[in-house]
Amino acid sequence: MTQDSERGSNRGLLIALIGAESTGKSQLAHSLSEALAQATGLRSTVVPETLRDWCQAQGRTPRPEEQGAIAEAQAQKIDTAALAHDLVICDTTPLMTATYSQILFQDNSLWPMALAFQRRCALTLLTALDLPWVADGIQRDGPQVQAPVDNAIRQALIKSGLGWSVVSGSGAARLDSALNAVTPVLTKQRRQPPGHGLFTRLNERQTQLPNWTWACEKCDDPECEHRSLQARRP
């Protein structure tokens, strides 16, 4: 029996939140988990970023040889949460550790493990580069790394044939963007108990939205996306 088979079908659904630093992942993770729990009655939880806790405990950022253990710890925490919950909102996955290992240390050794884990996620949400950068702890490097990190994530997903949904907007609009992406996944997976109206409300709202046409059909340029999102601001 394979490791994936041993995990079984009763494990919680994994929703991954990934993206460059200071793009609102942590706040969105908690808002999304709360909204889904209240609207569906499903047991939803957030698994926080292991790197943040590690840096706070150690008082420094990790060295190259410490990256692998951080990625493994992130995966283990997510797996443990999935045993007791219907939905697990992952405030980053090992993919982010692999991304920073590549950018900061030119180390590509974590990609196989990180991408294998990412394939287990029912949905990958990529936070857009449309929020102001805010300093928050020693694990953040600065706004200059946002675009390179975003591009590295996209290239890794594209090369591995993994899809994602971009989440944009601020405040309630960002949450709505995430809910629009999550709704069809939950519907397909039949993770909603009968008698709850989350999907009905979201689908009704979505049908009232105007059709959106992308300026470039398969754009994976983060700067291009950033400019388009800025242009849509009122």
Protein backbone atom coordinates (compact mmCIF):
# COMPACT_ATOMS: atom_id res chain seq x y z
CA MET A 1 0.00 0.00 0.00
CA THR A 2 1.35 3.43 -0.92
CA GLN A 3 1.76 6.27 1.51
CA ASP A 4 -0.98 8.22 -0.28
CA SER A 5 -3.34 5.23 0.00
CA GLU A 6 -2.65 4.97 3.70
CA ARG A 7 -3.70 8.57 4.12
CA GLY A 8 -7.19 7.56 3.08
CA SER A 9 -10.15 9.49 1.73
CA ASN A 10 -11.33 10.75 5.11
CA ARG A 11 -8.53 13.26 5.41
CA GLY A 12 -9.38 16.93 5.20
CA LEU A 13 -9.27 18.79 1.92
CA LEU A 14 -6.08 20.87 1.55
CA ILE A 15 -6.37 24.44 0.27
CA ALA A 16 -2.93 25.96 -0.25
CA LEU A 17 -2.24 29.66 0.11
CA ILE A 18 1.10 30.58 -1.44
CA GLY A 19 2.66 33.78 -2.66
CA ALA A 20 5.38 36.34 -2.13
CA GLU A 21 5.88 37.94 1.26
CA SER A 22 3.49 40.68 2.40
CA THR A 23 0.69 39.61 0.07
CA GLY A 24 -1.84 38.95 2.82
CA LYS A 25 -1.61 35.17 3.08
CA SER A 26 -1.97 34.84 6.85
CA GLN A 27 -4.88 37.25 7.19
CA LEU A 28 -6.65 35.68 4.22
CA ALA A 29 -6.11 32.17 5.59
CA HIS A 30 -7.94 32.97 8.82
CA SER A 31 -10.70 34.93 7.09
CA LEU A 32 -11.25 32.15 4.57
CA SER A 33 -11.30 29.42 7.20
CA GLU A 34 -13.80 31.33 9.34
CA ALA A 35 -16.04 32.14 6.38
CA LEU A 36 -16.13 28.55 5.18
CA ALA A 37 -16.76 27.16 8.65
CA GLN A 38 -19.63 29.56 9.32
CA ALA A 39 -21.25 29.14 5.93
CA THR A 40 -20.95 25.38 5.53
CA GLY A 41 -20.67 23.87 9.00
CA LEU A 42 -17.50 22.09 7.93
CA ARG A 43 -14.62 21.71 10.40
CA SER A 44 -12.07 24.16 9.03
CA THR A 45 -8.68 25.10 10.44
CA VAL A 46 -5.58 27.08 9.51
CA VAL A 47 -2.05 25.67 9.61
CA PRO A 48 0.25 28.67 10.11
CA GLU A 49 3.60 29.28 8.45
CA THR A 50 6.32 27.20 10.10
CA LEU A 51 9.06 29.61 9.01
CA ARG A 52 7.54 32.46 11.00
CA ASP A 53 7.45 30.37 14.20
CA TRP A 54 10.97 29.06 13.53
CA CYS A 55 12.42 32.56 13.10
CA GLN A 56 10.71 33.83 16.22
CA ALA A 57 12.01 30.91 18.26
CA GLN A 58 15.57 31.07 16.90
CA GLY A 59 15.86 34.83 16.59
CA ARG A 60 17.30 34.53 13.08
CA THR A 61 16.55 33.29 9.60
CA PRO A 62 17.46 29.69 8.67
CA ARG A 63 20.69 28.59 7.06
CA PRO A 64 20.65 26.58 3.81
CA GLU A 65 21.00 23.20 5.55
CA GLU A 66 18.02 23.99 7.82
CA GLN A 67 15.55 24.59 5.03
CA GLY A 68 14.66 20.95 4.46
CA ALA A 69 13.59 20.38 8.06
CA ILE A 70 11.38 23.47 7.92
CA ALA A 71 9.67 22.18 4.77
CA GLU A 72 9.14 18.76 6.35
CA ALA A 73 7.73 20.34 9.51
CA GLN A 74 5.27 22.39 7.45
CA ALA A 75 4.07 19.27 5.65
CA GLN A 76 3.75 17.30 8.89
CA LYS A 77 1.67 20.00 10.57
CA ILE A 78 -0.67 20.08 7.60
CA ASP A 79 -1.01 16.29 7.57
CA THR A 80 -1.78 16.23 11.28
CA ALA A 81 -4.46 18.90 10.91
CA ALA A 82 -6.02 17.01 8.01
CA LEU A 83 -6.72 14.04 10.27
CA ALA A 84 -9.13 16.05 12.43
CA HIS A 85 -10.68 18.59 10.02
CA ASP A 86 -12.73 18.66 6.84
CA LEU A 87 -10.85 21.64 5.42
CA VAL A 88 -7.26 22.67 6.04
CA ILE A 89 -6.23 26.14 4.93
CA CYS A 90 -2.45 25.98 4.52
CA ASP A 91 -0.75 29.30 5.23
CA THR A 92 2.05 28.32 2.85
CA THR A 93 3.26 24.84 1.92
CA PRO A 94 6.74 23.32 1.40
CA LEU A 95 6.64 24.95 -2.04
CA MET A 96 7.47 28.30 -0.46
CA THR A 97 10.50 26.87 1.34
CA ALA A 98 11.71 25.39 -1.94
CA THR A 99 11.19 28.73 -3.67
CA TYR A 100 13.26 30.67 -1.16
CA SER A 101 15.94 27.96 -1.11
CA GLN A 102 16.32 28.41 -4.85
CA ILE A 103 16.33 32.22 -4.77
CA LEU A 104 18.44 32.79 -1.65
CA PHE A 105 20.77 29.79 -1.70
CA GLN A 106 20.66 28.53 -5.32
CA ASP A 107 19.51 25.19 -3.86
CA ASN A 108 17.02 23.22 -5.97
CA SER A 109 17.03 20.07 -3.85
CA LEU A 110 13.68 20.74 -2.16
CA TRP A 111 11.62 21.00 -5.36
CA PRO A 112 10.72 17.30 -5.78
CA MET A 113 9.33 16.98 -2.24
CA ALA A 114 7.59 20.37 -2.42
CA LEU A 115 5.90 19.71 -5.76
CA ALA A 116 4.82 16.23 -4.69
CA PHE A 117 3.12 17.77 -1.67
CA GLN A 118 1.53 20.49 -3.79
CA ARG A 119 -0.10 17.88 -6.00
CA ARG A 120 -2.01 16.65 -2.96
CA CYS A 121 -3.69 20.03 -2.51
CA ALA A 122 -7.22 20.29 -3.87
CA LEU A 123 -6.65 23.94 -4.72
CA THR A 124 -3.70 26.32 -4.90
CA LEU A 125 -4.41 30.00 -4.30
CA LEU A 126 -1.66 32.43 -5.34
CA THR A 127 -1.88 35.85 -3.69
CA ALA A 128 -1.40 38.72 -6.12
CA LEU A 129 1.16 41.50 -5.83
CA ASP A 130 -1.45 44.21 -5.32
CA LEU A 131 -1.04 45.02 -1.62
CA PRO A 132 1.44 47.50 -0.09
CA TRP A 133 4.53 45.83 1.34
CA VAL A 134 4.63 45.83 5.15
CA ALA A 135 7.60 44.90 7.34
CA ASP A 136 6.71 42.00 9.64
CA GLY A 137 9.47 40.09 11.38
CA ILE A 138 12.97 39.05 10.42
CA GLN A 139 11.76 36.46 7.88
CA ARG A 140 10.84 39.20 5.38
CA ASP A 141 13.49 40.35 2.92
CA GLY A 142 11.87 43.43 1.37
CA PRO A 143 9.62 44.45 -1.53
CA GLN A 144 12.41 43.83 -4.06
CA VAL A 145 11.98 40.06 -3.70
CA GLN A 146 8.23 39.97 -4.32
CA ALA A 147 8.35 39.80 -8.11
CA PRO A 148 11.21 37.23 -8.28
CA VAL A 149 9.45 35.01 -5.73
CA ASP A 150 6.12 35.29 -7.55
CA ASN A 151 7.78 34.44 -10.86
CA ALA A 152 9.65 31.45 -9.39
CA ILE A 153 6.40 30.06 -7.96
CA ARG A 154 4.59 30.42 -11.27
CA GLN A 155 7.39 28.84 -13.27
CA ALA A 156 7.54 25.87 -10.90
CA LEU A 157 3.79 25.32 -11.12
CA ILE A 158 3.75 25.71 -14.90
CA LYS A 159 6.64 23.30 -15.48
CA SER A 160 5.00 20.74 -13.19
CA GLY A 161 1.59 21.04 -14.83
CA LEU A 162 -0.05 22.32 -11.63
CA GLY A 163 -2.86 24.85 -11.81
CA TRP A 164 -3.61 27.75 -9.51
CA SER A 165 -6.06 30.61 -8.99
CA VAL A 166 -4.85 34.16 -8.41
CA VAL A 167 -6.44 35.94 -5.44
CA SER A 168 -6.52 39.73 -5.67
CA GLY A 169 -8.17 42.75 -4.11
CA SER A 170 -8.04 44.07 -0.57
CA GLY A 171 -10.15 43.30 2.48
CA ALA A 172 -13.52 41.76 1.66
CA ALA A 173 -12.73 41.77 -2.07
CA ARG A 174 -9.71 39.51 -1.50
CA LEU A 175 -11.82 37.11 0.55
CA ASP A 176 -14.51 37.10 -2.14
CA SER A 177 -11.87 36.30 -4.74
CA ALA A 178 -10.73 33.31 -2.68
CA LEU A 179 -14.29 32.11 -2.06
CA ASN A 180 -15.02 32.27 -5.79
CA ALA A 181 -12.09 29.92 -6.39
CA VAL A 182 -12.90 27.57 -3.51
CA THR A 183 -16.62 27.18 -4.22
CA PRO A 184 -16.42 24.91 -7.30
CA VAL A 185 -13.75 22.78 -5.63
CA LEU A 186 -15.92 22.12 -2.59
CA THR A 187 -18.92 21.46 -4.81
CA LYS A 188 -16.98 18.92 -6.86
CA GLN A 189 -15.61 17.23 -3.75
CA ARG A 190 -19.08 17.22 -2.13
CA ARG A 191 -17.68 18.65 1.07
CA GLN A 192 -20.81 20.64 1.94
CA PRO A 193 -23.43 19.19 4.31
CA PRO A 194 -27.03 19.43 3.00
CA GLY A 195 -29.05 22.44 3.99
CA HIS A 196 -26.33 25.09 3.70
CA GLY A 197 -26.47 27.86 1.13
CA LEU A 198 -22.87 28.96 0.61
CA PHE A 199 -22.59 27.65 -2.93
CA THR A 200 -26.00 28.94 -3.93
CA ARG A 201 -25.16 32.45 -2.76
CA LEU A 202 -21.73 32.46 -4.35
CA ASN A 203 -22.95 31.07 -7.65
CA GLU A 204 -25.76 33.62 -7.80
CA ARG A 205 -23.25 36.42 -7.22
CA GLN A 206 -20.88 35.01 -9.81
CA THR A 207 -23.59 34.86 -12.48
CA GLN A 208 -24.23 38.56 -11.94
CA LEU A 209 -20.60 39.50 -12.48
CA PRO A 210 -19.61 40.83 -15.94
CA ASN A 211 -17.58 38.55 -18.14
CA TRP A 212 -13.85 39.19 -17.72
CA THR A 213 -11.49 39.06 -20.67
CA TRP A 214 -7.78 38.75 -19.98
CA ALA A 215 -5.54 41.15 -21.87
CA CYS A 216 -3.15 38.28 -22.53
CA GLU A 217 -4.63 34.82 -22.36
CA LYS A 218 -1.79 32.88 -20.72
CA CYS A 219 0.21 35.60 -19.03
CA ASP A 220 2.58 34.46 -16.28
CA ASP A 221 4.44 37.77 -15.91
CA PRO A 222 3.91 39.04 -12.35
CA GLU A 223 4.73 42.62 -13.31
CA CYS A 224 2.12 42.53 -16.05
CA GLU A 225 -0.44 41.19 -13.60
CA HIS A 226 0.53 43.82 -11.05
CA ARG A 227 -0.02 46.61 -13.58
CA SER A 228 -3.41 45.23 -14.62
CA LEU A 229 -4.56 44.96 -11.01
CA GLN A 230 -3.39 48.50 -10.28
CA ALA A 231 -5.35 49.72 -13.29
CA ARG A 232 -8.53 48.12 -11.96
CA ARG A 233 -8.33 50.02 -8.66
CA PRO A 234 -10.95 52.80 -8.34
